[in-house]
Structure formats: C-alpha cells, structure tokens
Amino acid sequence: MKIGIFISRDRGMADEAIDIQSLADSCQDCEVVRVFDDFFDAGDRQHLLKEVTDNALEAVVLAGNSPKRYENYLSGGRFLQELEDAGVNLNRIGFANIREQVAFCHKGDREIATKKAKALIDCEIAAVQRREPVATTGITPLRAVAILSTTLSAILAAERFLAAGFDVYVLERLESVRDLDEWREDIELSLSFVQTHPRAKFFYNCFITDISGWCGDYVVEFDSDSDSRELRVGGVVVAIGDDRNWTAMLQPLVQMDTDDTGLFRPRAPDSCSERTAEEGLVLVPDSESHSRSFASVVASTNSAVLTLQTLLSANEVRHRVVVTEVDEKRCGGCGTCVTACAFAASSIDDHRRVSVIDPKRCKGCGNCIAACPTGARDLATYPNHYIMHAIEVLARADISGGPRVLALLCNGCGYGAADIAGVLCEHSPRKGYSASVLPLRVECGGRVQSEHIVSAFEHGFDGVLVASCRANHCHNIVGHRDMAKRLNLARVTLRARGVDPDRLRVAEVSPDDGDDFIFQVNSFVEDLVGMKEVGPCPPM
C-alpha cells in the first residue's frame, strides 16, 4: 500500500516541542514523507494534494492538528473531500494529533515529545493499513425540513426555509403556538407568513417516537392528536429553546449532548454553534431565555438555517457505510446486537437467522460489536485487529518519566477533553500531564472490550484510563452504561490474573473541560505511583 506521511509544523508551534525533521526522518519507510508549514494554508494544501495524485497514494496520515479540527471547523470537511477526490478513501485517512496532544502538552522534553509523536504516527499507519475502504452512498436530498417547536427561533427558521422554496413541517409538543408576546411586534409578520403559507404545515400535541435516516433523507415518526404520522424530510431543525422536558424526550433520538443545565449544546460551541453529531440535524442554541436581543436570536437562527440549506441544496449528499458485513459463519442469530443497539439499527433476518444492519440507522458507535459473543461483525472505522495492534504499537514507545498509561479516549467526549487540555497547557505552562500517558481514540466507550484492557496489561502498561462521556451524556445513548458493565467484568478478569483492578479507571469528562481531564489523568498517574509494582499480565 502506498502511504503518504504529511507532517505539519503548525506555523512553528509544533517545532517548539517536537524535532520535526527527526520525526520526518524516522518515517522514511513510507512512500512519501513531506513536511509542511500548515495544512490549512492554501499553497500547502494544494501542494499536499498534488503529492497525493502524483504518487497515486492509497492512504495518508496527517500528522498535525486534531481530527476534531476537520470535523468541527468551517470547511474542515472540504479538505478531506479533496483528498477523497484525489483518490484516497476516507477510511484510509489517518490523523496523528501531534499538536494538541503532544506539542502543546509536553514542551519540557523535546526528545520525549518527539518519541510520543512518532508513536502516534505509527498508530495511524497501522490504522490505514488495516482499515478496509468504506463504501460511499450518494442520495439526492429532499427539499423539506422538520422544525421542532414554535419558539421565536423556530418561526424565523420556518420563514427562511419557506422563502428558499422548501416544504416546512412545524412540530410542537404543546397545544398551540408558544407564547411569543415578548417578541410580538418583531415576529408578528413572520408568524402570519408561516401560518398561511401553502408549503407550511403545523402539527400540535406532538410526541416524536423516532427519527431515522441520513442527512438529506430522514423519516420523522410522531403521534399528533392521537394519530400516528410519518414525515420524510431532508433535515431537522431543533429550536426548542429552554424546554428541558422536551430536551429529555428528544435526546435519545437526536444524539445530541446536553450541558449541565439539561439543555442541548452544539458539537463545537466556539466554531460551529449550530452543528451536532448528525450532519442533517441542526441546533438553534437556547438564546431566548438569556435576555439576548432580537438581533442575536436572528443571527443564531440564520446560521443554523444557512448550514442546513447549504447541505440540502447540493445535488448529492454522500454517506459512508461504517459497519462491515456480518460474518454469517460466525453469527448465531442470538439477537444480542439487537438489544445492544440504541438506534434500532440491528435486526435478525428470520429466514437466514443472521444479524443484519440498517446503514441509515447505524451511528457507527460499535456497541453491538463489543456485545457480540461470537465476533461476527466489526466496525470499519475502528476494526478490532487495528485496536489490538495499536495497543501493541503504543506499548513499544520508549517513553519514560512515569507510569505508562493507555488512555482510551471516546470520540464523543474524551478526545475533545484531551484536546482542550492541550490548549490549556499551551497557554498555561504550569498545567500538563506525563508524556507516558498515550492516547488511543475509539468511537465510543461502548466499543471498549475486555480484551483491549487485558491486552494493554499483557504488553506492559501500568494502567488503563478510559475517558468517556459522563453518565446520561453519552452521544450513543447506552454506550456509557454498557461500557460500565463490560469494564466491571474486565476488573474481575484482571483480579483473577493477578492485576490490581484499580489499575483500570474510568474518567467521566465533558468534551470542553480540559482542566478536569488534566486533574483526572494526574490523579490516576499519582495513584499508580503508589501502587505495588506489577509485571506484565500473563497472556490469555
């Protein structure tokens, strides 16, 4: 496989902690190794893409910014689309986060930081080598939207979608339009426009039972005035304001995180305040209850509308299929995957007595894979043989300075918290944690299996930290709960094999709380120092 390693100096910021040239020299086994000043510079980006096409690369590793930068920042995803257009399957793009999780955190020891950066690159090389290309399905987006609630933001969003030629369905859990008297003078014309428009339809007394599908083609099922109804729409606007009761009811359906006040919060509050984990589900953050001006509410609504309109105005929306086909020779049709899935994506084919999956419902969390007693299915983005190999790769890293900790970071909260921790370390040199804490990203805490934990101790790690979402905040609804059950079993296994089960710890973190991440990591490392030494866990 032709692999290109592209390393970013991050405009000199990475150079401050990492010997970039030495790092590049250590990767010479790959087809192409290049160092750039900044991946997001227009000239560097074009040069990088030219290297991909000229060398017919099949996989690339981007060693620089966090993958969250590509996911959460405006136009970040377009760079990945350009790489795909240049011939690289999206599942063979690796991200070695040497910026937030190395350079920012470990400026004190250049040699150690360079070794850690190399370990993360080696992990991503292993990832792109072991991931199969994923299929991409294209759909023509529907020019219709469902807008949840009749708040000020909801009415403004409905008006703008109608003006752009979309069909609009307004779903309200109350018996009528909400009290808008505070904004009556500002909203009166907009409300009458929406209420009388031929392409707008209101539904009251709604209880939403299911939202399934992909961006561009969702099915929204709900009960309204004792009748069951179903709508097909291209996207959904969540504009429920500070309605905590409705937030609690919707949260299992829309895969959005909630803040400490019980309200929905966006995926990236600072950069994309309307985006959520689901591309076609946009959020108008609660603004009306914080005494914001009418202009501020209009601005936040316009941002959400523009985001969704842009997606649904494209000729085609592409989606990746992230779960592999079931191995029918292994599958016993037991239905464990069905009960493990919070999104009703798994079912049993009654004729063949094997598990099947609906790709439009699957979120790629991997909880069903961890639950499967026969290993009949795997996750294309985080295949099990990659995770096992990555643990071995990280264990080989020659990094001293404290207990060696494998940090399994869930993509929903743990990884983001580690990124924010790095930013805090960059701005406050007194903050930080040991470079011997080695991160490995997994899609969800529910993806973590006992064999991953045991393997870490077999390969000489002193501790395993699973940084996951807080209870009731899991993006994958039941991932946190099921992870807790599996890790309890893992502790029993460790005890039976002579390993102190306290060497396995769960850190429940918020994706924007770097201070808490640093505190929990340092507390764990300190506790490990005080524990009785233990040799490698005997192999299973």
Protein backbone atom coordinates (compact mmCIF):
# COMPACT_ATOMS: atom_id res chain seq x y z
CA MET A 1 0.00 0.00 0.00
CA LYS A 2 1.33 3.44 -0.94
CA ILE A 3 1.14 5.62 2.17
CA GLY A 4 2.00 9.29 2.43
CA ILE A 5 3.05 10.83 5.74
CA PHE A 6 2.41 14.57 5.87
CA ILE A 7 3.69 16.47 8.91
CA SER A 8 2.65 20.00 9.85
CA ARG A 9 4.94 22.42 11.65
CA ASP A 10 1.78 24.29 12.62
CA ARG A 11 3.43 27.57 11.66
CA GLY A 12 6.29 26.81 14.00
CA MET A 13 4.21 25.93 17.06
CA ALA A 14 4.90 22.20 16.77
CA ASP A 15 8.62 22.90 16.29
CA GLU A 16 8.78 24.38 19.76
CA ALA A 17 8.25 20.97 21.35
CA ILE A 18 8.98 18.38 18.65
CA ASP A 19 12.04 17.77 16.47
CA ILE A 20 10.02 17.81 13.25
CA GLN A 21 12.93 16.94 10.95
CA SER A 22 13.94 13.99 13.12
CA LEU A 23 10.30 12.90 13.16
CA ALA A 24 10.15 13.02 9.36
CA ASP A 25 13.42 11.11 9.03
CA SER A 26 12.02 8.32 11.23
CA CYS A 27 9.13 7.76 8.78
CA GLN A 28 11.19 7.10 5.66
CA ASP A 29 9.79 3.58 5.18
CA CYS A 30 6.64 5.12 3.74
CA GLU A 31 6.20 6.01 0.07
CA VAL A 32 6.11 9.78 0.60
CA VAL A 33 7.13 11.84 3.63
CA ARG A 34 6.72 15.60 3.46
CA VAL A 35 6.80 18.44 5.98
CA PHE A 36 4.51 21.44 5.53
CA ASP A 37 4.23 24.71 7.38
CA ASP A 38 0.44 24.48 7.75
CA PHE A 39 -2.06 22.06 6.18
CA PHE A 40 -4.66 24.81 6.10
CA ASP A 41 -2.52 27.23 4.15
CA ALA A 42 -3.87 27.42 0.58
CA GLY A 43 -0.49 26.81 -1.05
CA ASP A 44 0.48 23.95 1.29
CA ARG A 45 -2.90 22.30 0.83
CA GLN A 46 -2.59 22.36 -2.95
CA HIS A 47 0.97 21.05 -2.75
CA LEU A 48 -0.16 18.22 -0.49
CA LEU A 49 -2.98 17.23 -2.84
CA LYS A 50 -0.54 17.25 -5.75
CA GLU A 51 1.74 14.85 -3.85
CA VAL A 52 -1.25 12.53 -3.41
CA THR A 53 -2.18 12.50 -7.09
CA ASP A 54 1.38 12.48 -8.48
CA ASN A 55 2.32 9.48 -6.33
CA ALA A 56 -1.05 7.71 -6.62
CA LEU A 57 -1.20 7.39 -2.84
CA GLU A 58 -3.73 4.94 -1.43
CA ALA A 59 -3.60 6.23 2.16
CA VAL A 60 -2.35 9.29 4.00
CA VAL A 61 -1.51 10.16 7.59
CA LEU A 62 -1.95 13.81 8.53
CA ALA A 63 0.36 14.46 11.48
CA GLY A 64 -0.60 17.80 12.89
CA ASN A 65 -3.97 19.11 14.02
CA SER A 66 -6.56 17.16 15.93
CA PRO A 67 -9.12 15.33 13.78
CA LYS A 68 -11.68 17.45 15.62
CA ARG A 69 -10.42 20.44 13.67
CA TYR A 70 -11.54 18.78 10.45
CA GLU A 71 -14.88 17.77 11.97
CA ASN A 72 -15.81 20.91 13.89
CA TYR A 73 -14.44 23.87 11.99
CA LEU A 74 -15.91 25.58 8.98
CA SER A 75 -14.73 23.98 5.70
CA GLY A 76 -12.59 21.41 7.56
CA GLY A 77 -14.51 18.59 5.92
CA ARG A 78 -13.86 20.02 2.47
CA PHE A 79 -10.16 19.27 2.78
CA LEU A 80 -11.00 15.62 3.43
CA GLN A 81 -13.34 15.67 0.46
CA GLU A 82 -10.49 16.97 -1.68
CA LEU A 83 -8.32 14.07 -0.51
CA GLU A 84 -11.08 11.63 -1.45
CA ASP A 85 -11.43 13.27 -4.85
CA ALA A 86 -7.66 12.80 -5.25
CA GLY A 87 -8.12 9.04 -4.83
CA VAL A 88 -7.82 8.37 -1.09
CA ASN A 89 -10.70 6.53 0.53
CA LEU A 90 -11.95 8.43 3.58
CA ASN A 91 -11.36 5.38 5.75
CA ARG A 92 -7.68 5.47 4.84
CA ILE A 93 -7.03 8.97 6.10
CA GLY A 94 -5.28 8.84 9.47
CA PHE A 95 -4.88 11.69 11.97
CA ALA A 96 -1.85 11.76 14.26
CA ASN A 97 -2.66 14.53 16.71
CA ILE A 98 0.84 15.84 17.42
CA ARG A 99 -0.41 19.37 18.06
CA GLU A 100 -2.97 19.41 20.89
CA GLN A 101 -1.99 16.07 22.43
CA VAL A 102 1.81 16.26 22.12
CA ALA A 103 3.33 19.65 21.24
CA PHE A 104 1.02 21.67 23.46
CA CYS A 105 1.26 19.30 26.44
CA HIS A 106 4.93 18.29 26.54
CA LYS A 107 7.16 21.27 25.79
CA GLY A 108 9.56 20.42 28.58
CA ASP A 109 11.31 17.48 26.92
CA ARG A 110 11.86 17.68 23.15
CA GLU A 111 13.20 14.12 22.87
CA ILE A 112 10.27 12.57 24.72
CA ALA A 113 7.72 14.67 22.79
CA THR A 114 9.29 13.55 19.50
CA LYS A 115 9.10 9.90 20.56
CA LYS A 116 5.45 10.29 21.53
CA ALA A 117 4.67 11.99 18.20
CA LYS A 118 6.33 9.07 16.38
CA ALA A 119 4.23 6.58 18.38
CA LEU A 120 1.02 8.37 17.35
CA ILE A 121 2.10 8.39 13.69
CA ASP A 122 2.91 4.66 13.88
CA CYS A 123 -0.58 4.08 15.29
CA GLU A 124 -2.17 5.86 12.36
CA ILE A 125 -0.02 3.99 9.86
CA ALA A 126 -1.34 0.80 11.44
CA ALA A 127 -4.87 2.18 11.15
CA VAL A 128 -4.77 3.00 7.45
CA GLN A 129 -3.09 -0.31 6.69
CA ARG A 130 -5.78 -2.30 8.49
CA ARG A 131 -8.93 -0.42 7.56
CA GLU A 132 -10.80 -1.59 4.53
CA PRO A 133 -12.07 1.08 2.12
CA VAL A 134 -15.61 2.05 3.04
CA ALA A 135 -18.43 2.31 0.56
CA THR A 136 -19.96 5.69 -0.06
CA THR A 137 -23.64 6.06 -0.87
CA GLY A 138 -24.98 9.16 -2.57
CA ILE A 139 -28.55 10.42 -2.18
CA THR A 140 -30.44 13.37 -3.60
CA PRO A 141 -31.52 15.48 -0.62
CA LEU A 142 -35.19 16.20 -0.07
CA ARG A 143 -36.13 19.89 -0.07
CA ALA A 144 -38.23 19.62 3.05
CA VAL A 145 -37.45 20.23 6.71
CA ALA A 146 -39.00 19.45 10.06
CA ILE A 147 -38.75 22.25 12.62
CA LEU A 148 -39.22 21.27 16.21
CA SER A 149 -41.19 23.76 18.33
CA THR A 150 -42.79 27.15 17.73
CA THR A 151 -40.27 29.28 19.59
CA LEU A 152 -39.11 32.57 18.12
CA SER A 153 -36.16 30.79 16.52
CA ALA A 154 -38.42 28.09 15.07
CA ILE A 155 -40.76 30.61 13.41
CA LEU A 156 -37.83 32.58 11.99
CA ALA A 157 -36.28 29.36 10.64
CA ALA A 158 -39.57 28.31 9.07
CA GLU A 159 -39.91 31.69 7.36
CA ARG A 160 -36.44 31.44 5.83
CA PHE A 161 -36.86 27.89 4.58
CA LEU A 162 -40.21 28.75 3.01
CA ALA A 163 -38.67 31.76 1.29
CA ALA A 164 -35.99 29.46 -0.13
CA GLY A 165 -38.58 27.10 -1.62
CA PHE A 166 -38.56 24.30 0.97
CA ASP A 167 -41.55 22.45 2.36
CA VAL A 168 -41.77 23.06 6.09
CA TYR A 169 -43.34 20.96 8.83
CA VAL A 170 -43.55 22.56 12.27
CA LEU A 171 -43.92 20.10 15.14
CA GLU A 172 -44.95 21.41 18.55
CA ARG A 173 -45.48 19.35 21.70
CA LEU A 174 -47.90 21.94 23.13
CA GLU A 175 -51.49 22.54 22.02
CA SER A 176 -50.76 25.76 20.13
CA VAL A 177 -48.05 28.22 19.19
CA ARG A 178 -45.93 29.15 22.19
CA ASP A 179 -46.26 32.47 23.96
CA LEU A 180 -44.36 34.96 21.82
CA ASP A 181 -45.79 38.11 23.37
CA GLU A 182 -42.32 39.33 24.37
CA TRP A 183 -41.41 39.37 20.68
CA ARG A 184 -44.88 40.09 19.27
CA GLU A 185 -44.00 43.31 17.49
CA ASP A 186 -40.89 41.80 15.91
CA ILE A 187 -42.32 38.40 14.96
CA GLU A 188 -45.98 39.13 14.04
CA LEU A 189 -45.49 39.40 10.27
CA SER A 190 -43.18 36.38 10.15
CA LEU A 191 -45.64 34.26 12.13
CA SER A 192 -48.58 35.14 9.89
CA PHE A 193 -46.44 34.46 6.80
CA VAL A 194 -45.59 30.97 8.03
CA GLN A 195 -49.08 30.12 9.30
CA THR A 196 -50.74 30.98 5.97
CA HIS A 197 -48.09 29.63 3.62
CA PRO A 198 -49.27 26.73 1.40
CA ARG A 199 -45.99 24.80 1.86
CA ALA A 200 -46.10 25.02 5.67
CA LYS A 201 -47.95 22.62 7.93
CA PHE A 202 -48.27 22.74 11.72
CA PHE A 203 -48.72 19.73 14.00
CA TYR A 204 -49.60 20.17 17.68
CA ASN A 205 -49.61 17.83 20.70
CA CYS A 206 -46.69 16.02 19.10
CA PHE A 207 -44.87 13.15 20.69
CA ILE A 208 -41.91 12.21 18.47
CA THR A 209 -41.28 8.47 18.54
CA ASP A 210 -38.42 8.07 16.05
CA ILE A 211 -36.01 9.97 13.81
CA SER A 212 -34.06 7.79 11.41
CA GLY A 213 -32.12 8.15 8.20
CA TRP A 214 -29.31 10.26 6.81
CA CYS A 215 -28.76 13.89 6.06
CA GLY A 216 -30.93 14.53 3.03
CA ASP A 217 -33.45 11.78 3.78
CA TYR A 218 -34.85 11.43 7.29
CA VAL A 219 -38.04 9.80 8.47
CA VAL A 220 -39.66 11.52 11.45
CA GLU A 221 -42.35 9.47 13.18
CA PHE A 222 -44.65 11.05 15.73
CA ASP A 223 -48.05 10.94 17.35
CA SER A 224 -50.21 14.05 16.99
CA ASP A 225 -53.76 14.41 18.33
CA SER A 226 -53.96 10.62 18.79
CA ASP A 227 -52.90 9.88 15.19
CA SER A 228 -49.58 8.29 14.21
CA ARG A 229 -47.85 10.20 11.46
CA GLU A 230 -44.69 9.95 9.40
CA LEU A 231 -42.78 12.63 7.52
CA ARG A 232 -39.88 12.38 5.09
CA VAL A 233 -37.59 15.39 5.23
CA GLY A 234 -34.07 16.33 4.24
CA GLY A 235 -33.18 17.74 7.63
CA VAL A 236 -34.39 18.64 11.10
CA VAL A 237 -34.06 21.95 12.96
CA VAL A 238 -34.09 21.61 16.74
CA ALA A 239 -35.27 25.00 18.03
CA ILE A 240 -36.91 24.07 21.32
CA GLY A 241 -35.24 26.79 23.40
CA ASP A 242 -35.10 26.11 27.14
CA ASP A 243 -37.75 23.36 27.12
CA ARG A 244 -35.96 20.85 29.35
CA ASN A 245 -38.82 18.35 29.32
CA TRP A 246 -38.73 18.11 25.54
CA THR A 247 -34.94 18.02 25.59
CA ALA A 248 -35.03 14.92 27.79
CA MET A 249 -37.55 13.22 25.50
CA LEU A 250 -35.67 14.08 22.30
CA GLN A 251 -32.14 13.36 23.46
CA PRO A 252 -32.23 9.60 22.72
CA LEU A 253 -33.49 10.36 19.19
CA VAL A 254 -31.19 13.16 18.04
CA GLN A 255 -27.83 12.05 19.50
CA MET A 256 -27.03 15.48 20.92
CA ASP A 257 -25.10 16.19 24.08
CA THR A 258 -26.65 18.25 26.87
CA ASP A 259 -24.96 20.75 29.14
CA ASP A 260 -25.05 20.86 32.92
CA THR A 261 -28.34 22.78 32.84
CA GLY A 262 -30.06 20.00 30.88
CA LEU A 263 -30.24 21.84 27.55
CA PHE A 264 -28.86 20.79 24.18
CA ARG A 265 -25.47 22.12 23.26
CA PRO A 266 -23.75 22.12 19.87
CA ARG A 267 -20.83 19.94 18.84
CA ALA A 268 -18.43 22.89 18.67
CA PRO A 269 -19.80 25.94 20.52
CA ASP A 270 -16.93 28.23 19.54
CA SER A 271 -16.74 27.47 15.82
CA CYS A 272 -19.99 25.88 14.66
CA SER A 273 -22.68 26.68 17.19
CA GLU A 274 -25.42 25.05 15.11
CA ARG A 275 -23.76 21.71 14.31
CA THR A 276 -24.47 18.43 16.05
CA ALA A 277 -23.17 14.88 15.75
CA GLU A 278 -25.71 14.35 12.95
CA GLU A 279 -24.95 16.45 9.89
CA GLY A 280 -28.60 16.90 8.92
CA LEU A 281 -29.82 17.75 12.42
CA VAL A 282 -29.02 21.36 13.25
CA LEU A 283 -29.50 23.15 16.54
CA VAL A 284 -30.53 26.69 17.32
CA PRO A 285 -28.93 27.02 20.77
CA ASP A 286 -31.10 28.29 23.59
CA SER A 287 -30.93 32.06 23.39
CA GLU A 288 -34.34 33.42 24.30
CA SER A 289 -34.03 32.60 27.99
CA HIS A 290 -30.81 34.55 28.39
CA SER A 291 -32.26 38.00 27.66
CA ARG A 292 -30.48 38.24 24.34
CA SER A 293 -31.54 40.82 21.81
CA PHE A 294 -33.83 40.04 18.91
CA ALA A 295 -30.88 40.62 16.59
CA SER A 296 -28.86 37.93 18.40
CA VAL A 297 -31.68 35.41 18.06
CA VAL A 298 -31.98 36.23 14.37
CA ALA A 299 -28.23 35.77 13.88
CA SER A 300 -28.10 32.34 15.56
CA THR A 301 -31.18 31.20 13.64
CA ASN A 302 -29.75 32.40 10.33
CA SER A 303 -26.55 30.45 10.99
CA ALA A 304 -28.47 27.21 11.56
CA VAL A 305 -30.69 27.76 8.52
CA LEU A 306 -27.74 28.55 6.25
CA THR A 307 -25.88 25.42 7.39
CA LEU A 308 -28.80 23.13 6.61
CA GLN A 309 -29.83 24.94 3.43
CA THR A 310 -26.32 24.57 2.05
CA LEU A 311 -26.37 20.82 2.66
CA LEU A 312 -29.84 20.28 1.24
CA SER A 313 -29.26 22.48 -1.82
CA ALA A 314 -26.48 20.20 -3.11
CA ASN A 315 -27.19 17.81 -5.95
CA GLU A 316 -25.99 14.89 -3.86
CA VAL A 317 -25.13 14.14 -0.25
CA ARG A 318 -22.63 11.34 0.31
CA HIS A 319 -22.61 9.00 3.30
CA ARG A 320 -20.11 6.40 4.49
CA VAL A 321 -21.17 2.90 5.49
CA VAL A 322 -19.18 2.40 8.69
CA VAL A 323 -20.11 -1.14 9.78
CA THR A 324 -18.79 -4.20 8.00
CA GLU A 325 -20.96 -7.01 6.73
CA VAL A 326 -21.82 -9.71 9.25
CA ASP A 327 -19.78 -12.91 9.10
CA GLU A 328 -22.63 -15.36 8.60
CA LYS A 329 -20.42 -18.32 9.54
CA ARG A 330 -19.94 -16.84 12.99
CA CYS A 331 -23.31 -15.23 13.59
CA GLY A 332 -25.63 -17.38 15.66
CA GLY A 333 -28.64 -15.09 15.35
CA CYS A 334 -28.79 -14.67 19.12
CA GLY A 335 -30.05 -11.09 18.93
CA THR A 336 -27.52 -9.63 21.41
CA CYS A 337 -26.69 -6.91 18.89
CA VAL A 338 -30.38 -6.03 18.64
CA THR A 339 -30.73 -5.39 22.36
CA ALA A 340 -27.38 -3.55 22.47
CA CYS A 341 -28.30 -1.04 19.75
CA ALA A 342 -29.98 2.17 20.94
CA PHE A 343 -30.86 3.20 17.39
CA ALA A 344 -32.79 0.10 16.22
CA ALA A 345 -30.18 -0.44 13.51
CA SER A 346 -29.74 -4.18 14.12
CA SER A 347 -32.29 -6.88 13.45
CA ILE A 348 -32.40 -10.61 12.80
CA ASP A 349 -33.20 -11.95 9.35
CA ASP A 350 -35.83 -14.58 10.16
CA HIS A 351 -35.10 -16.57 7.01
CA ARG A 352 -31.31 -16.80 7.34
CA ARG A 353 -31.22 -16.43 11.13
CA VAL A 354 -28.36 -13.94 11.00
CA SER A 355 -27.96 -10.36 12.08
CA VAL A 356 -28.48 -7.58 9.55
CA ILE A 357 -28.00 -3.85 9.90
CA ASP A 358 -29.74 -0.80 8.52
CA PRO A 359 -26.93 1.57 7.46
CA LYS A 360 -29.27 4.56 7.63
CA ARG A 361 -29.86 3.96 11.33
CA CYS A 362 -26.37 2.88 12.32
CA LYS A 363 -24.28 5.56 14.08
CA GLY A 364 -21.06 3.53 13.98
CA CYS A 365 -20.62 3.51 17.76
CA GLY A 366 -19.51 -0.13 17.89
CA ASN A 367 -21.57 -1.05 20.95
CA CYS A 368 -23.13 -4.01 19.14
CA ILE A 369 -19.67 -5.23 18.12
CA ALA A 370 -18.39 -5.19 21.68
CA ALA A 371 -21.56 -7.01 22.79
CA CYS A 372 -21.43 -9.75 20.13
CA PRO A 373 -20.41 -13.04 21.78
CA THR A 374 -19.03 -14.53 18.54
CA GLY A 375 -17.24 -11.58 16.93
CA ALA A 376 -19.43 -11.82 13.84
CA ARG A 377 -19.22 -8.13 12.95
CA ASP A 378 -16.64 -5.38 13.10
CA LEU A 379 -16.52 -1.60 12.80
CA ALA A 380 -14.95 -0.43 9.56
CA THR A 381 -13.56 2.76 11.07
CA TYR A 382 -12.13 1.10 14.21
CA PRO A 383 -11.68 -2.61 13.38
CA ASN A 384 -10.76 -4.78 16.31
CA HIS A 385 -7.49 -6.02 14.85
CA TYR A 386 -6.40 -2.40 14.47
CA ILE A 387 -7.20 -1.54 18.09
CA MET A 388 -5.29 -4.59 19.30
CA HIS A 389 -2.30 -3.75 17.11
CA ALA A 390 -2.38 -0.07 18.10
CA ILE A 391 -2.13 -1.07 21.78
CA GLU A 392 0.98 -3.07 20.92
CA VAL A 393 2.45 -0.16 18.92
CA LEU A 394 1.93 2.31 21.76
CA ALA A 395 3.36 -0.15 24.27
CA ARG A 396 6.61 -0.22 22.29
CA ALA A 397 7.08 3.55 22.58
CA ASP A 398 10.27 4.29 24.53
CA ILE A 399 8.81 6.95 26.80
CA SER A 400 9.88 7.21 30.42
CA GLY A 401 9.00 9.66 33.16
CA GLY A 402 6.14 7.98 34.93
CA PRO A 403 3.74 5.03 34.88
CA ARG A 404 2.83 4.02 31.35
CA VAL A 405 -0.89 4.60 30.83
CA LEU A 406 -3.03 3.65 27.86
CA ALA A 407 -5.70 6.34 27.57
CA LEU A 408 -8.69 5.10 25.57
CA LEU A 409 -10.49 8.28 24.52
CA CYS A 410 -14.08 8.12 23.33
CA ASN A 411 -14.65 10.27 20.27
CA GLY A 412 -17.70 11.93 21.78
CA CYS A 413 -16.20 13.46 24.93
CA GLY A 414 -12.85 12.01 25.96
CA TYR A 415 -10.96 13.01 22.84
CA GLY A 416 -12.33 16.55 22.85
CA ALA A 417 -11.45 16.96 26.53
CA ALA A 418 -7.87 15.85 25.79
CA ASP A 419 -7.67 18.45 23.02
CA ILE A 420 -8.88 21.22 25.31
CA ALA A 421 -6.40 20.04 27.93
CA GLY A 422 -3.64 20.55 25.37
CA VAL A 423 -4.81 24.07 24.60
CA LEU A 424 -4.80 24.87 28.32
CA CYS A 425 -1.27 23.51 28.62
CA GLU A 426 -0.18 25.70 25.72
CA HIS A 427 -1.46 28.84 27.42
CA SER A 428 -0.54 27.85 30.98
CA PRO A 429 2.87 26.11 31.10
CA ARG A 430 2.32 25.02 34.71
CA LYS A 431 -0.51 22.78 33.56
CA GLY A 432 0.26 19.43 31.98
CA TYR A 433 0.48 15.70 32.44
CA SER A 434 3.02 12.96 31.91
CA ALA A 435 4.07 12.13 28.34
CA SER A 436 3.87 8.46 29.34
CA VAL A 437 0.07 8.76 29.05
CA LEU A 438 -0.51 7.51 25.50
CA PRO A 439 -3.86 8.26 23.78
CA LEU A 440 -5.85 5.93 21.55
CA ARG A 441 -9.11 7.18 20.07
CA VAL A 442 -12.14 4.87 19.94
CA GLU A 443 -15.56 5.79 18.62
CA CYS A 444 -17.39 5.22 21.90
CA GLY A 445 -16.76 3.89 25.38
CA GLY A 446 -19.21 1.18 24.43
CA ARG A 447 -16.68 -0.04 21.85
CA VAL A 448 -14.11 -0.88 24.55
CA GLN A 449 -13.84 -4.61 25.19
CA SER A 450 -12.26 -6.65 27.97
CA GLU A 451 -9.65 -7.98 25.55
CA HIS A 452 -8.44 -4.42 24.89
CA ILE A 453 -7.91 -3.91 28.62
CA VAL A 454 -6.19 -7.26 29.13
CA SER A 455 -4.01 -6.71 26.06
CA ALA A 456 -2.77 -3.39 27.46
CA PHE A 457 -1.54 -5.07 30.63
CA GLU A 458 -0.10 -8.00 28.66
CA HIS A 459 2.05 -5.51 26.77
CA GLY A 460 3.34 -3.84 29.91
CA PHE A 461 1.13 -0.82 30.53
CA ASP A 462 0.89 0.12 34.20
CA GLY A 463 -2.65 1.42 33.91
CA VAL A 464 -5.59 1.89 31.55
CA LEU A 465 -7.70 5.04 31.65
CA VAL A 466 -10.98 5.10 29.73
CA ALA A 467 -12.01 8.72 29.19
CA SER A 468 -15.67 8.69 28.27
CA CYS A 469 -18.86 10.72 28.41
CA ARG A 470 -20.49 11.45 31.71
CA ALA A 471 -23.48 9.38 32.78
CA ASN A 472 -26.61 10.36 30.81
CA HIS A 473 -24.49 12.42 28.39
CA CYS A 474 -23.35 9.62 26.07
CA HIS A 475 -23.77 10.57 22.40
CA ASN A 476 -24.64 6.94 21.73
CA ILE A 477 -27.26 6.79 24.48
CA VAL A 478 -26.35 3.43 26.07
CA GLY A 479 -22.61 3.35 25.30
CA HIS A 480 -21.63 4.61 28.75
CA ARG A 481 -23.97 2.20 30.52
CA ASP A 482 -22.85 -0.86 28.57
CA MET A 483 -19.19 0.15 28.89
CA ALA A 484 -19.56 0.22 32.66
CA LYS A 485 -20.90 -3.35 32.65
CA ARG A 486 -18.05 -4.63 30.47
CA LEU A 487 -15.38 -2.88 32.48
CA ASN A 488 -16.72 -4.39 35.67
CA LEU A 489 -16.22 -7.79 34.05
CA ALA A 490 -12.76 -6.70 32.93
CA ARG A 491 -11.86 -5.89 36.52
CA VAL A 492 -12.88 -9.39 37.58
CA THR A 493 -10.64 -10.80 34.84
CA LEU A 494 -7.71 -8.61 35.91
CA ARG A 495 -8.07 -9.64 39.55
CA ALA A 496 -8.06 -13.30 38.53
CA ARG A 497 -4.85 -12.71 36.60
CA GLY A 498 -3.06 -11.00 39.47
CA VAL A 499 -3.54 -7.40 38.34
CA ASP A 500 -4.95 -4.83 40.75
CA PRO A 501 -8.32 -3.85 39.22
CA ASP A 502 -7.73 -0.27 40.41
CA ARG A 503 -5.22 -0.02 37.59
CA LEU A 504 -8.25 0.32 35.32
CA ARG A 505 -10.09 3.60 35.77
CA VAL A 506 -12.91 5.43 34.05
CA ALA A 507 -12.70 9.21 33.78
CA GLU A 508 -16.08 10.76 33.01
CA VAL A 509 -15.41 14.05 31.26
CA SER A 510 -17.14 16.82 29.38
CA PRO A 511 -15.72 17.50 25.90
CA ASP A 512 -14.97 21.11 26.78
CA ASP A 513 -13.46 20.61 30.25
CA GLY A 514 -9.72 20.28 29.81
CA ASP A 515 -8.99 21.14 33.44
CA ASP A 516 -10.99 18.15 34.61
CA PHE A 517 -9.21 15.89 32.11
CA ILE A 518 -5.80 17.02 33.38
CA PHE A 519 -6.88 16.56 37.01
CA GLN A 520 -8.24 13.05 36.44
CA VAL A 521 -5.21 11.94 34.43
CA ASN A 522 -2.76 13.28 37.00
CA SER A 523 -4.74 11.77 39.88
CA PHE A 524 -4.64 8.37 38.20
CA VAL A 525 -0.90 8.62 37.49
CA GLU A 526 -0.27 9.63 41.11
CA ASP A 527 -2.30 6.68 42.37
CA LEU A 528 -0.41 4.30 40.08
CA VAL A 529 2.89 5.53 41.51
CA GLY A 530 1.71 4.48 44.95
CA MET A 531 0.57 1.02 43.89
CA LYS A 532 2.62 -2.12 44.23
CA GLU A 533 4.62 -2.82 41.09
CA VAL A 534 3.15 -5.38 38.76
CA GLY A 535 4.77 -7.24 35.88
CA PRO A 536 3.10 -7.80 32.53
CA CYS A 537 -0.25 -9.53 32.76
CA PRO A 538 0.14 -13.21 31.79
CA PRO A 539 -1.23 -13.90 28.28
CA MET A 540 -4.70 -15.33 27.91
